[in-house]
């Protein structure tokens, strides 16, 4: 059993206190990490993947969980960042307004983990790579890598030969679904406790070491899913049909008329790059066309051409890439397009 390192822990009793603690740590140049459910962070701490100066536990905070309708009558769905994944999966309002979000949450890890892990934690999940998600002893024997803490001045990338940028992959299920849904998030800080609202997609950048754009002292507090005519489905590829992280996840969002003519299409993938990856140049193969079997096959082929999984997870990269059109076809079939499920 791997023990936790010695850590300084703060347990704020309110959001304002939490933001003050985070702001103070940032001003002092001390790296603070936020602990929500801890299902990913705690194992990383035990493996020595992270060495924060301060751990800020949100266990005592109230009012940052649950789901509700927007008070402005827009029909938007508001979900607190501290909502447990199990509650996201079974909440009647989430199931009614964003069924794909509930389903994707139900596919994450195990029932025990879903009872602990949070929505905000999944959106802020660290990137993963088979060369860094190991014990400190294992990493030292390998010679470390770009992402490993305490690595040498110019460590190598063991995935991309000669690479100088970390390509550890996104490994969370909910970001591609919520990006496809056009979700926004509220981010609070001590200087702006009410928070600022941004597109969820802007929370991520293509950097395996620092995949989030959150500044020191900022905290994600809420997710907002707009009401829309988009129909969204999510397909997940993993070694086992339970517990495992996705080695590939594909969210497909379609806006189509009653005749099945596509007005707009989004495909967002996880498990490919450090950030959720939206496939480009889909309009030419989909928009203005009936989503029949032939068009769905063309969409899948375009997605395969636009996504290039790397060996960050150790799985066969060609198999993962060949599964891209399969997952796209299954997702569109689930939405009633392509003549097959």
C-alpha atoms as a PDB file:
ATOM      1  CA  UNK A   1       0.000   0.000   0.000  1.00  0.00           C
ATOM      2  CA  UNK A   2       1.352   3.412  -0.975  1.00  0.00           C
ATOM      3  CA  UNK A   3       1.128   5.998   1.830  1.00  0.00           C
ATOM      4  CA  UNK A   4       0.135   9.601   1.343  1.00  0.00           C
ATOM      5  CA  UNK A   5       2.925  12.172   1.726  1.00  0.00           C
ATOM      6  CA  UNK A   6       2.859  14.642   4.589  1.00  0.00           C
ATOM      7  CA  UNK A   7       0.531  17.454   3.526  1.00  0.00           C
ATOM      8  CA  UNK A   8      -0.789  20.697   4.930  1.00  0.00           C
ATOM      9  CA  UNK A   9      -4.580  20.574   4.667  1.00  0.00           C
ATOM     10  CA  UNK A  10      -7.129  23.379   4.975  1.00  0.00           C
ATOM     11  CA  UNK A  11     -10.873  22.667   5.323  1.00  0.00           C
ATOM     12  CA  UNK A  12     -12.785  25.886   4.562  1.00  0.00           C
ATOM     13  CA  UNK A  13     -16.400  26.170   5.726  1.00  0.00           C
ATOM     14  CA  UNK A  14     -17.615  28.438   2.934  1.00  0.00           C
ATOM     15  CA  UNK A  15     -16.872  29.203  -0.693  1.00  0.00           C
ATOM     16  CA  UNK A  16     -15.565  32.648   0.280  1.00  0.00           C
ATOM     17  CA  UNK A  17     -13.137  31.095   2.779  1.00  0.00           C
ATOM     18  CA  UNK A  18     -11.967  28.562   0.194  1.00  0.00           C
ATOM     19  CA  UNK A  19     -11.308  31.321  -2.356  1.00  0.00           C
ATOM     20  CA  UNK A  20      -9.428  33.372   0.246  1.00  0.00           C
ATOM     21  CA  UNK A  21      -7.192  30.408   1.094  1.00  0.00           C
ATOM     22  CA  UNK A  22      -6.491  29.748  -2.591  1.00  0.00           C
ATOM     23  CA  UNK A  23      -5.737  33.427  -3.234  1.00  0.00           C
ATOM     24  CA  UNK A  24      -3.361  33.594  -0.276  1.00  0.00           C
ATOM     25  CA  UNK A  25      -1.501  30.497  -1.465  1.00  0.00           C
ATOM     26  CA  UNK A  26      -1.200  31.957  -4.970  1.00  0.00           C
ATOM     27  CA  UNK A  27       0.134  35.261  -3.590  1.00  0.00           C
ATOM     28  CA  UNK A  28       2.726  33.376  -1.548  1.00  0.00           C
ATOM     29  CA  UNK A  29       3.794  31.327  -4.558  1.00  0.00           C
ATOM     30  CA  UNK A  30       2.633  28.086  -2.938  1.00  0.00           C
ATOM     31  CA  UNK A  31       1.007  25.497  -5.152  1.00  0.00           C
ATOM     32  CA  UNK A  32      -2.412  24.506  -3.809  1.00  0.00           C
ATOM     33  CA  UNK A  33      -4.549  21.614  -5.008  1.00  0.00           C
ATOM     34  CA  UNK A  34      -8.281  21.375  -4.472  1.00  0.00           C
ATOM     35  CA  UNK A  35      -9.645  18.108  -3.074  1.00  0.00           C
ATOM     36  CA  UNK A  36     -13.261  17.311  -3.956  1.00  0.00           C
ATOM     37  CA  UNK A  37     -13.990  13.579  -4.221  1.00  0.00           C
ATOM     38  CA  UNK A  38     -10.290  12.742  -4.333  1.00  0.00           C
ATOM     39  CA  UNK A  39     -10.772   9.647  -6.481  1.00  0.00           C
ATOM     40  CA  UNK A  40      -8.072  10.741  -8.940  1.00  0.00           C
ATOM     41  CA  UNK A  41      -5.995  13.192  -6.921  1.00  0.00           C
ATOM     42  CA  UNK A  42      -5.353  10.902  -3.942  1.00  0.00           C
ATOM     43  CA  UNK A  43      -3.877   8.043  -6.042  1.00  0.00           C
ATOM     44  CA  UNK A  44      -1.729  10.613  -7.869  1.00  0.00           C
ATOM     45  CA  UNK A  45      -0.458  11.941  -4.539  1.00  0.00           C
ATOM     46  CA  UNK A  46       0.373   8.433  -3.372  1.00  0.00           C
ATOM     47  CA  UNK A  47       2.354   7.786  -6.550  1.00  0.00           C
ATOM     48  CA  UNK A  48       4.252  11.030  -6.103  1.00  0.00           C
ATOM     49  CA  UNK A  49       2.887  12.462  -9.336  1.00  0.00           C
ATOM     50  CA  UNK A  50       2.064  15.676  -7.542  1.00  0.00           C
ATOM     51  CA  UNK A  51       3.663  17.481  -4.633  1.00  0.00           C
ATOM     52  CA  UNK A  52       1.459  20.458  -3.704  1.00  0.00           C
ATOM     53  CA  UNK A  53       2.363  22.681  -0.791  1.00  0.00           C
ATOM     54  CA  UNK A  54      -1.272  22.814   0.315  1.00  0.00           C
ATOM     55  CA  UNK A  55      -4.391  20.688  -0.043  1.00  0.00           C
ATOM     56  CA  UNK A  56      -7.722  22.537   0.162  1.00  0.00           C
ATOM     57  CA  UNK A  57     -10.549  20.134   0.987  1.00  0.00           C
ATOM     58  CA  UNK A  58     -14.048  21.129  -0.140  1.00  0.00           C
ATOM     59  CA  UNK A  59     -15.705  18.489   2.043  1.00  0.00           C
ATOM     60  CA  UNK A  60     -17.379  21.045   4.341  1.00  0.00           C
ATOM     61  CA  UNK A  61     -18.760  23.292   1.597  1.00  0.00           C
ATOM     62  CA  UNK A  62     -22.501  23.431   1.029  1.00  0.00           C
ATOM     63  CA  UNK A  63     -24.577  24.815  -1.808  1.00  0.00           C
ATOM     64  CA  UNK A  64     -22.296  23.794  -4.689  1.00  0.00           C
ATOM     65  CA  UNK A  65     -24.162  20.616  -5.544  1.00  0.00           C
ATOM     66  CA  UNK A  66     -27.490  19.681  -7.087  1.00  0.00           C
ATOM     67  CA  UNK A  67     -29.243  20.584 -10.335  1.00  0.00           C
ATOM     68  CA  UNK A  68     -31.797  23.287 -11.080  1.00  0.00           C
ATOM     69  CA  UNK A  69     -33.421  25.178 -13.919  1.00  0.00           C
ATOM     70  CA  UNK A  70     -32.140  28.626 -14.849  1.00  0.00           C
ATOM     71  CA  UNK A  71     -34.202  31.280 -13.033  1.00  0.00           C
ATOM     72  CA  UNK A  72     -34.360  33.415 -16.196  1.00  0.00           C
ATOM     73  CA  UNK A  73     -36.721  31.007 -17.960  1.00  0.00           C
ATOM     74  CA  UNK A  74     -34.174  30.129 -20.661  1.00  0.00           C
ATOM     75  CA  UNK A  75     -34.540  26.410 -19.936  1.00  0.00           C
ATOM     76  CA  UNK A  76     -30.826  26.070 -19.207  1.00  0.00           C
ATOM     77  CA  UNK A  77     -29.719  23.412 -16.735  1.00  0.00           C
ATOM     78  CA  UNK A  78     -27.447  24.448 -13.857  1.00  0.00           C
ATOM     79  CA  UNK A  79     -25.442  21.724 -12.099  1.00  0.00           C
ATOM     80  CA  UNK A  80     -23.154  22.427  -9.135  1.00  0.00           C
ATOM     81  CA  UNK A  81     -19.523  21.421  -9.473  1.00  0.00           C
ATOM     82  CA  UNK A  82     -19.625  19.405  -6.234  1.00  0.00           C
ATOM     83  CA  UNK A  83     -22.508  17.227  -7.422  1.00  0.00           C
ATOM     84  CA  UNK A  84     -21.483  13.594  -7.083  1.00  0.00           C
ATOM     85  CA  UNK A  85     -21.333  11.686 -10.359  1.00  0.00           C
ATOM     86  CA  UNK A  86     -23.868   9.196  -9.017  1.00  0.00           C
ATOM     87  CA  UNK A  87     -26.289  12.083  -8.483  1.00  0.00           C
ATOM     88  CA  UNK A  88     -25.590  13.478 -11.955  1.00  0.00           C
ATOM     89  CA  UNK A  89     -26.453  10.042 -13.350  1.00  0.00           C
ATOM     90  CA  UNK A  90     -29.734   9.666 -11.461  1.00  0.00           C
ATOM     91  CA  UNK A  91     -31.000  13.229 -10.994  1.00  0.00           C
ATOM     92  CA  UNK A  92     -34.445  13.461 -12.645  1.00  0.00           C
ATOM     93  CA  UNK A  93     -33.839  16.978 -13.976  1.00  0.00           C
ATOM     94  CA  UNK A  94     -30.497  16.017 -15.545  1.00  0.00           C
ATOM     95  CA  UNK A  95     -32.076  12.915 -17.074  1.00  0.00           C
ATOM     96  CA  UNK A  96     -34.907  15.023 -18.492  1.00  0.00           C
ATOM     97  CA  UNK A  97     -32.868  17.980 -19.782  1.00  0.00           C
ATOM     98  CA  UNK A  98     -29.506  16.369 -20.643  1.00  0.00           C
ATOM     99  CA  UNK A  99     -29.976  12.604 -20.751  1.00  0.00           C
ATOM    100  CA  UNK A 100     -26.611  12.066 -22.456  1.00  0.00           C
ATOM    101  CA  UNK A 101     -24.863  13.752 -19.513  1.00  0.00           C
ATOM    102  CA  UNK A 102     -26.609  11.404 -17.072  1.00  0.00           C
ATOM    103  CA  UNK A 103     -25.701   8.378 -19.193  1.00  0.00           C
ATOM    104  CA  UNK A 104     -22.052   9.412 -19.592  1.00  0.00           C
ATOM    105  CA  UNK A 105     -21.778   9.928 -15.826  1.00  0.00           C
ATOM    106  CA  UNK A 106     -23.172   6.421 -15.268  1.00  0.00           C
ATOM    107  CA  UNK A 107     -20.332   4.970 -17.381  1.00  0.00           C
ATOM    108  CA  UNK A 108     -17.551   6.408 -15.232  1.00  0.00           C
ATOM    109  CA  UNK A 109     -15.528   4.068 -13.021  1.00  0.00           C
ATOM    110  CA  UNK A 110     -17.454   1.998 -10.440  1.00  0.00           C
ATOM    111  CA  UNK A 111     -20.570   2.696  -8.312  1.00  0.00           C
ATOM    112  CA  UNK A 112     -18.375   3.299  -5.256  1.00  0.00           C
ATOM    113  CA  UNK A 113     -16.242   5.867  -7.084  1.00  0.00           C
ATOM    114  CA  UNK A 114     -19.291   7.607  -8.578  1.00  0.00           C
ATOM    115  CA  UNK A 115     -20.619   8.101  -5.045  1.00  0.00           C
ATOM    116  CA  UNK A 116     -17.430  10.051  -4.214  1.00  0.00           C
ATOM    117  CA  UNK A 117     -16.251  11.663  -7.459  1.00  0.00           C
ATOM    118  CA  UNK A 118     -17.709  15.016  -8.483  1.00  0.00           C
ATOM    119  CA  UNK A 119     -18.754  16.729 -11.696  1.00  0.00           C
ATOM    120  CA  UNK A 120     -16.142  19.470 -11.262  1.00  0.00           C
ATOM    121  CA  UNK A 121     -13.482  16.895 -10.480  1.00  0.00           C
ATOM    122  CA  UNK A 122     -14.201  15.028 -13.703  1.00  0.00           C
ATOM    123  CA  UNK A 123     -14.029  18.246 -15.720  1.00  0.00           C
ATOM    124  CA  UNK A 124     -10.677  19.084 -14.090  1.00  0.00           C
ATOM    125  CA  UNK A 125      -9.265  15.555 -14.284  1.00  0.00           C
ATOM    126  CA  UNK A 126      -5.535  15.432 -14.954  1.00  0.00           C
ATOM    127  CA  UNK A 127      -4.192  14.000 -18.198  1.00  0.00           C
ATOM    128  CA  UNK A 128      -2.897  10.440 -18.205  1.00  0.00           C
ATOM    129  CA  UNK A 129       0.036   8.580 -19.748  1.00  0.00           C
ATOM    130  CA  UNK A 130       1.407   5.110 -19.135  1.00  0.00           C
ATOM    131  CA  UNK A 131       4.869   6.612 -18.577  1.00  0.00           C
ATOM    132  CA  UNK A 132       3.868   8.945 -15.731  1.00  0.00           C
ATOM    133  CA  UNK A 133       0.895   7.252 -14.005  1.00  0.00           C
ATOM    134  CA  UNK A 134       3.279   4.942 -12.167  1.00  0.00           C
ATOM    135  CA  UNK A 135       5.032   4.867  -8.827  1.00  0.00           C
ATOM    136  CA  UNK A 136       7.979   7.171  -8.212  1.00  0.00           C
ATOM    137  CA  UNK A 137      10.301   4.148  -8.189  1.00  0.00           C
ATOM    138  CA  UNK A 138       9.025   3.068 -11.629  1.00  0.00           C
ATOM    139  CA  UNK A 139       9.388   6.577 -13.082  1.00  0.00           C
ATOM    140  CA  UNK A 140      12.914   6.969 -11.715  1.00  0.00           C
ATOM    141  CA  UNK A 141      13.916   3.672 -13.305  1.00  0.00           C
ATOM    142  CA  UNK A 142      12.562   4.903 -16.644  1.00  0.00           C
ATOM    143  CA  UNK A 143      14.407   8.194 -16.398  1.00  0.00           C
ATOM    144  CA  UNK A 144      11.253  10.260 -15.914  1.00  0.00           C
ATOM    145  CA  UNK A 145       9.560  12.332 -18.623  1.00  0.00           C
ATOM    146  CA  UNK A 146       8.297  15.808 -19.393  1.00  0.00           C
ATOM    147  CA  UNK A 147       5.291  15.505 -17.056  1.00  0.00           C
ATOM    148  CA  UNK A 148       7.024  13.779 -14.143  1.00  0.00           C
ATOM    149  CA  UNK A 149       7.694  16.042 -11.118  1.00  0.00           C
ATOM    150  CA  UNK A 150      11.378  16.670 -10.437  1.00  0.00           C
ATOM    151  CA  UNK A 151      12.392  15.556 -13.920  1.00  0.00           C
ATOM    152  CA  UNK A 152      15.737  16.534 -15.399  1.00  0.00           C
ATOM    153  CA  UNK A 153      16.180  19.840 -17.235  1.00  0.00           C
ATOM    154  CA  UNK A 154      15.371  18.413 -20.674  1.00  0.00           C
ATOM    155  CA  UNK A 155      13.534  15.134 -20.056  1.00  0.00           C
ATOM    156  CA  UNK A 156      12.506  13.003 -23.010  1.00  0.00           C
ATOM    157  CA  UNK A 157       8.998  12.171 -24.153  1.00  0.00           C
ATOM    158  CA  UNK A 158       8.631   8.391 -24.316  1.00  0.00           C
ATOM    159  CA  UNK A 159       5.572   8.632 -26.571  1.00  0.00           C
ATOM    160  CA  UNK A 160       6.807  11.016 -29.260  1.00  0.00           C
ATOM    161  CA  UNK A 161      10.474  10.501 -30.034  1.00  0.00           C
ATOM    162  CA  UNK A 162      12.253  13.819 -29.748  1.00  0.00           C
ATOM    163  CA  UNK A 163       9.075  15.489 -28.495  1.00  0.00           C
ATOM    164  CA  UNK A 164       9.434  18.515 -26.227  1.00  0.00           C
ATOM    165  CA  UNK A 165       5.731  18.947 -25.451  1.00  0.00           C
ATOM    166  CA  UNK A 166       3.777  16.600 -23.208  1.00  0.00           C
ATOM    167  CA  UNK A 167       1.079  14.643 -25.038  1.00  0.00           C
ATOM    168  CA  UNK A 168      -0.481  12.929 -22.012  1.00  0.00           C
ATOM    169  CA  UNK A 169      -4.104  12.415 -23.012  1.00  0.00           C
ATOM    170  CA  UNK A 170      -7.382  13.663 -21.639  1.00  0.00           C
ATOM    171  CA  UNK A 171      -9.078  10.799 -19.847  1.00  0.00           C
ATOM    172  CA  UNK A 172     -12.393  12.184 -18.613  1.00  0.00           C
ATOM    173  CA  UNK A 173     -15.801  11.219 -20.023  1.00  0.00           C
ATOM    174  CA  UNK A 174     -17.834  14.334 -19.334  1.00  0.00           C
ATOM    175  CA  UNK A 175     -15.807  17.099 -21.068  1.00  0.00           C
ATOM    176  CA  UNK A 176     -16.503  15.913 -24.650  1.00  0.00           C
ATOM    177  CA  UNK A 177     -20.194  15.465 -23.862  1.00  0.00           C
ATOM    178  CA  UNK A 178     -20.537  18.914 -22.328  1.00  0.00           C
ATOM    179  CA  UNK A 179     -18.465  20.596 -25.043  1.00  0.00           C
ATOM    180  CA  UNK A 180     -20.742  18.964 -27.626  1.00  0.00           C
ATOM    181  CA  UNK A 181     -23.742  20.294 -25.685  1.00  0.00           C
ATOM    182  CA  UNK A 182     -22.287  23.830 -25.796  1.00  0.00           C
ATOM    183  CA  UNK A 183     -21.962  23.990 -22.008  1.00  0.00           C
ATOM    184  CA  UNK A 184     -20.492  26.878 -20.068  1.00  0.00           C
ATOM    185  CA  UNK A 185     -18.852  26.911 -16.642  1.00  0.00           C
ATOM    186  CA  UNK A 186     -18.708  29.444 -13.842  1.00  0.00           C
ATOM    187  CA  UNK A 187     -15.267  30.122 -12.378  1.00  0.00           C
ATOM    188  CA  UNK A 188     -14.939  31.983  -9.081  1.00  0.00           C
ATOM    189  CA  UNK A 189     -11.993  33.678  -7.371  1.00  0.00           C
ATOM    190  CA  UNK A 190     -11.417  35.851  -4.317  1.00  0.00           C
ATOM    191  CA  UNK A 191     -11.585  38.978  -6.514  1.00  0.00           C
ATOM    192  CA  UNK A 192     -14.760  37.721  -8.225  1.00  0.00           C
ATOM    193  CA  UNK A 193     -16.672  35.479  -5.785  1.00  0.00           C
ATOM    194  CA  UNK A 194     -19.768  35.629  -7.986  1.00  0.00           C
ATOM    195  CA  UNK A 195     -17.707  34.111 -10.739  1.00  0.00           C
ATOM    196  CA  UNK A 196     -17.252  34.614 -14.460  1.00  0.00           C
ATOM    197  CA  UNK A 197     -18.930  32.390 -17.031  1.00  0.00           C
ATOM    198  CA  UNK A 198     -16.970  31.016 -19.994  1.00  0.00           C
ATOM    199  CA  UNK A 199     -17.417  28.360 -22.651  1.00  0.00           C
ATOM    200  CA  UNK A 200     -16.345  24.996 -21.255  1.00  0.00           C
ATOM    201  CA  UNK A 201     -14.106  24.417 -24.284  1.00  0.00           C
ATOM    202  CA  UNK A 202     -11.973  27.387 -23.206  1.00  0.00           C
ATOM    203  CA  UNK A 203     -11.139  25.614 -19.938  1.00  0.00           C
ATOM    204  CA  UNK A 204      -8.757  23.293 -21.802  1.00  0.00           C
ATOM    205  CA  UNK A 205      -5.498  23.662 -23.683  1.00  0.00           C
ATOM    206  CA  UNK A 206      -3.403  21.180 -25.630  1.00  0.00           C
ATOM    207  CA  UNK A 207      -0.700  20.755 -22.987  1.00  0.00           C
ATOM    208  CA  UNK A 208      -0.389  17.490 -21.090  1.00  0.00           C
ATOM    209  CA  UNK A 209       1.494  19.077 -18.184  1.00  0.00           C
ATOM    210  CA  UNK A 210      -0.919  21.997 -17.664  1.00  0.00           C
ATOM    211  CA  UNK A 211      -4.157  21.030 -19.452  1.00  0.00           C
ATOM    212  CA  UNK A 212      -6.398  23.569 -17.672  1.00  0.00           C
ATOM    213  CA  UNK A 213      -6.559  27.320 -18.177  1.00  0.00           C
ATOM    214  CA  UNK A 214      -7.671  27.894 -14.569  1.00  0.00           C
ATOM    215  CA  UNK A 215      -5.421  30.467 -12.925  1.00  0.00           C
ATOM    216  CA  UNK A 216      -3.986  29.949  -9.447  1.00  0.00           C
ATOM    217  CA  UNK A 217      -6.692  30.856  -6.951  1.00  0.00           C
ATOM    218  CA  UNK A 218      -9.616  30.073  -9.276  1.00  0.00           C
ATOM    219  CA  UNK A 219     -12.270  27.451  -8.618  1.00  0.00           C
ATOM    220  CA  UNK A 220     -14.867  25.927 -10.935  1.00  0.00           C
ATOM    221  CA  UNK A 221     -18.256  26.204  -9.208  1.00  0.00           C
ATOM    222  CA  UNK A 222     -21.034  25.431 -11.705  1.00  0.00           C
ATOM    223  CA  UNK A 223     -21.829  23.931 -15.105  1.00  0.00           C
ATOM    224  CA  UNK A 224     -24.536  25.445 -17.313  1.00  0.00           C
ATOM    225  CA  UNK A 225     -26.069  23.361 -20.106  1.00  0.00           C
ATOM    226  CA  UNK A 226     -28.151  25.489 -22.509  1.00  0.00           C
ATOM    227  CA  UNK A 227     -31.520  24.346 -23.771  1.00  0.00           C
ATOM    228  CA  UNK A 228     -31.234  23.548 -27.485  1.00  0.00           C
ATOM    229  CA  UNK A 229     -32.450  21.341 -30.309  1.00  0.00           C
ATOM    230  CA  UNK A 230     -29.141  19.467 -30.443  1.00  0.00           C
ATOM    231  CA  UNK A 231     -29.357  15.704 -29.984  1.00  0.00           C
ATOM    232  CA  UNK A 232     -26.246  14.224 -28.405  1.00  0.00           C
ATOM    233  CA  UNK A 233     -24.957  10.678 -27.864  1.00  0.00           C
ATOM    234  CA  UNK A 234     -21.757   9.388 -26.276  1.00  0.00           C
ATOM    235  CA  UNK A 235     -19.826   6.209 -26.988  1.00  0.00           C
ATOM    236  CA  UNK A 236     -16.970   4.976 -24.810  1.00  0.00           C
ATOM    237  CA  UNK A 237     -14.179   2.535 -25.643  1.00  0.00           C
ATOM    238  CA  UNK A 238     -12.309   0.848 -22.792  1.00  0.00           C
ATOM    239  CA  UNK A 239     -10.567  -2.402 -22.025  1.00  0.00           C
ATOM    240  CA  UNK A 240     -13.350  -3.523 -19.676  1.00  0.00           C
ATOM    241  CA  UNK A 241     -17.000  -2.553 -19.692  1.00  0.00           C
ATOM    242  CA  UNK A 242     -16.710  -1.153 -16.184  1.00  0.00           C
ATOM    243  CA  UNK A 243     -14.277   0.818 -14.032  1.00  0.00           C
ATOM    244  CA  UNK A 244     -11.729   1.730 -16.747  1.00  0.00           C
ATOM    245  CA  UNK A 245     -10.909   5.179 -18.077  1.00  0.00           C
ATOM    246  CA  UNK A 246     -11.822   5.671 -21.739  1.00  0.00           C
ATOM    247  CA  UNK A 247      -9.031   4.848 -24.179  1.00  0.00           C
ATOM    248  CA  UNK A 248     -11.312   6.654 -26.601  1.00  0.00           C
ATOM    249  CA  UNK A 249     -14.591   8.496 -26.101  1.00  0.00           C
ATOM    250  CA  UNK A 250     -16.700  10.134 -28.794  1.00  0.00           C
ATOM    251  CA  UNK A 251     -19.578  12.585 -28.290  1.00  0.00           C
ATOM    252  CA  UNK A 252     -21.695  13.297 -31.370  1.00  0.00           C
ATOM    253  CA  UNK A 253     -24.139  16.221 -31.473  1.00  0.00           C
ATOM    254  CA  UNK A 254     -26.610  16.661 -34.314  1.00  0.00           C
ATOM    255  CA  UNK A 255     -29.029  19.414 -35.245  1.00  0.00           C
ATOM    256  CA  UNK A 256     -31.321  17.971 -37.930  1.00  0.00           C
ATOM    257  CA  UNK A 257     -34.799  18.698 -39.246  1.00  0.00           C
ATOM    258  CA  UNK A 258     -37.724  16.263 -39.149  1.00  0.00           C
ATOM    259  CA  UNK A 259     -36.688  14.761 -42.488  1.00  0.00           C
ATOM    260  CA  UNK A 260     -33.251  13.892 -41.113  1.00  0.00           C
ATOM    261  CA  UNK A 261     -31.436  16.638 -43.040  1.00  0.00           C
ATOM    262  CA  UNK A 262     -28.415  17.777 -41.077  1.00  0.00           C
ATOM    263  CA  UNK A 263     -28.248  21.466 -40.194  1.00  0.00           C
ATOM    264  CA  UNK A 264     -25.142  21.218 -37.997  1.00  0.00           C
ATOM    265  CA  UNK A 265     -22.879  18.522 -36.575  1.00  0.00           C
ATOM    266  CA  UNK A 266     -20.288  18.346 -33.808  1.00  0.00           C
ATOM    267  CA  UNK A 267     -17.991  15.460 -32.932  1.00  0.00           C
ATOM    268  CA  UNK A 268     -15.801  15.828 -29.833  1.00  0.00           C
ATOM    269  CA  UNK A 269     -13.350  13.133 -28.693  1.00  0.00           C
ATOM    270  CA  UNK A 270     -11.467  12.330 -25.511  1.00  0.00           C
ATOM    271  CA  UNK A 271      -8.458  10.048 -25.065  1.00  0.00           C
ATOM    272  CA  UNK A 272      -6.732  11.473 -28.136  1.00  0.00           C
ATOM    273  CA  UNK A 273      -4.974  14.716 -27.114  1.00  0.00           C
ATOM    274  CA  UNK A 274      -4.463  16.567 -23.814  1.00  0.00           C
ATOM    275  CA  UNK A 275      -7.709  18.494 -24.421  1.00  0.00           C
ATOM    276  CA  UNK A 276     -11.114  17.370 -25.672  1.00  0.00           C
ATOM    277  CA  UNK A 277     -10.705  17.390 -29.462  1.00  0.00           C
ATOM    278  CA  UNK A 278     -13.407  18.678 -31.802  1.00  0.00           C
ATOM    279  CA  UNK A 279     -13.224  17.257 -35.313  1.00  0.00           C
ATOM    280  CA  UNK A 280     -12.906  19.959 -37.975  1.00  0.00           C
ATOM    281  CA  UNK A 281     -14.271  20.150 -41.536  1.00  0.00           C
ATOM    282  CA  UNK A 282     -17.432  18.119 -40.915  1.00  0.00           C
ATOM    283  CA  UNK A 283     -19.810  20.537 -42.633  1.00  0.00           C
ATOM    284  CA  UNK A 284     -18.730  19.494 -46.132  1.00  0.00           C
ATOM    285  CA  UNK A 285     -19.659  15.854 -45.535  1.00  0.00           C
ATOM    286  CA  UNK A 286     -22.786  16.351 -43.420  1.00  0.00           C
ATOM    287  CA  UNK A 287     -24.566  19.706 -43.529  1.00  0.00           C
ATOM    288  CA  UNK A 288     -27.492  19.863 -45.936  1.00  0.00           C
ATOM    289  CA  UNK A 289     -27.519  16.098 -46.370  1.00  0.00           C
ATOM    290  CA  UNK A 290     -29.768  13.345 -45.126  1.00  0.00           C
ATOM    291  CA  UNK A 291     -27.933  11.350 -42.478  1.00  0.00           C
ATOM    292  CA  UNK A 292     -28.302   7.989 -44.199  1.00  0.00           C
ATOM    293  CA  UNK A 293     -25.862   5.107 -44.061  1.00  0.00           C
ATOM    294  CA  UNK A 294     -23.608   6.520 -46.776  1.00  0.00           C
ATOM    295  CA  UNK A 295     -23.326   9.961 -45.187  1.00  0.00           C
ATOM    296  CA  UNK A 296     -22.761   8.465 -41.732  1.00  0.00           C
ATOM    297  CA  UNK A 297     -19.912   6.390 -43.194  1.00  0.00           C
ATOM    298  CA  UNK A 298     -18.402   9.565 -44.691  1.00  0.00           C
ATOM    299  CA  UNK A 299     -18.661  11.325 -41.325  1.00  0.00           C
ATOM    300  CA  UNK A 300     -16.899   8.400 -39.635  1.00  0.00           C
ATOM    301  CA  UNK A 301     -14.130   8.431 -42.242  1.00  0.00           C
ATOM    302  CA  UNK A 302     -13.622  12.169 -41.780  1.00  0.00           C
ATOM    303  CA  UNK A 303     -13.381  11.702 -38.011  1.00  0.00           C
ATOM    304  CA  UNK A 304     -10.814   8.921 -38.451  1.00  0.00           C
ATOM    305  CA  UNK A 305      -8.758  11.201 -40.691  1.00  0.00           C
ATOM    306  CA  UNK A 306      -8.982  14.052 -38.188  1.00  0.00           C
ATOM    307  CA  UNK A 307      -8.113  12.166 -34.997  1.00  0.00           C
ATOM    308  CA  UNK A 308      -4.752  10.536 -34.312  1.00  0.00           C
ATOM    309  CA  UNK A 309      -4.556   8.669 -30.972  1.00  0.00           C
ATOM    310  CA  UNK A 310      -1.047   8.244 -29.556  1.00  0.00           C
ATOM    311  CA  UNK A 311       0.360   5.414 -27.440  1.00  0.00           C
ATOM    312  CA  UNK A 312      -0.199   7.276 -24.153  1.00  0.00           C
ATOM    313  CA  UNK A 313      -2.391   4.476 -22.816  1.00  0.00           C
ATOM    314  CA  UNK A 314      -0.340   1.593 -24.185  1.00  0.00           C
ATOM    315  CA  UNK A 315      -3.227   0.278 -26.278  1.00  0.00           C
ATOM    316  CA  UNK A 316      -2.874  -0.480 -29.973  1.00  0.00           C
ATOM    317  CA  UNK A 317      -3.099   2.976 -31.571  1.00  0.00           C
ATOM    318  CA  UNK A 318      -4.292   1.659 -34.935  1.00  0.00           C
ATOM    319  CA  UNK A 319      -7.079  -0.280 -33.218  1.00  0.00           C
ATOM    320  CA  UNK A 320      -8.174   2.853 -31.374  1.00  0.00           C
ATOM    321  CA  UNK A 321      -8.100   4.882 -34.573  1.00  0.00           C
ATOM    322  CA  UNK A 322     -10.038   2.226 -36.493  1.00  0.00           C
ATOM    323  CA  UNK A 323     -12.664   2.310 -33.734  1.00  0.00           C
ATOM    324  CA  UNK A 324     -13.341   6.031 -34.268  1.00  0.00           C
ATOM    325  CA  UNK A 325     -15.766   5.564 -37.201  1.00  0.00           C
ATOM    326  CA  UNK A 326     -17.337   2.624 -35.371  1.00  0.00           C
ATOM    327  CA  UNK A 327     -18.122   4.767 -32.322  1.00  0.00           C
ATOM    328  CA  UNK A 328     -19.349   7.619 -34.523  1.00  0.00           C
ATOM    329  CA  UNK A 329     -21.677   5.242 -36.363  1.00  0.00           C
ATOM    330  CA  UNK A 330     -22.965   3.791 -33.086  1.00  0.00           C
ATOM    331  CA  UNK A 331     -23.592   7.258 -31.655  1.00  0.00           C
ATOM    332  CA  UNK A 332     -25.474   8.398 -34.752  1.00  0.00           C
ATOM    333  CA  UNK A 333     -27.401   5.129 -34.766  1.00  0.00           C
ATOM    334  CA  UNK A 334     -28.381   5.735 -31.159  1.00  0.00           C
ATOM    335  CA  UNK A 335     -29.805   9.083 -32.304  1.00  0.00           C
ATOM    336  CA  UNK A 336     -31.771   7.394 -35.075  1.00  0.00           C
ATOM    337  CA  UNK A 337     -29.528   8.182 -38.039  1.00  0.00           C
ATOM    338  CA  UNK A 338     -27.767   5.899 -40.523  1.00  0.00           C
ATOM    339  CA  UNK A 339     -30.352   3.154 -40.491  1.00  0.00           C
ATOM    340  CA  UNK A 340     -28.523   1.173 -37.779  1.00  0.00           C
ATOM    341  CA  UNK A 341     -27.759   1.334 -34.073  1.00  0.00           C
END
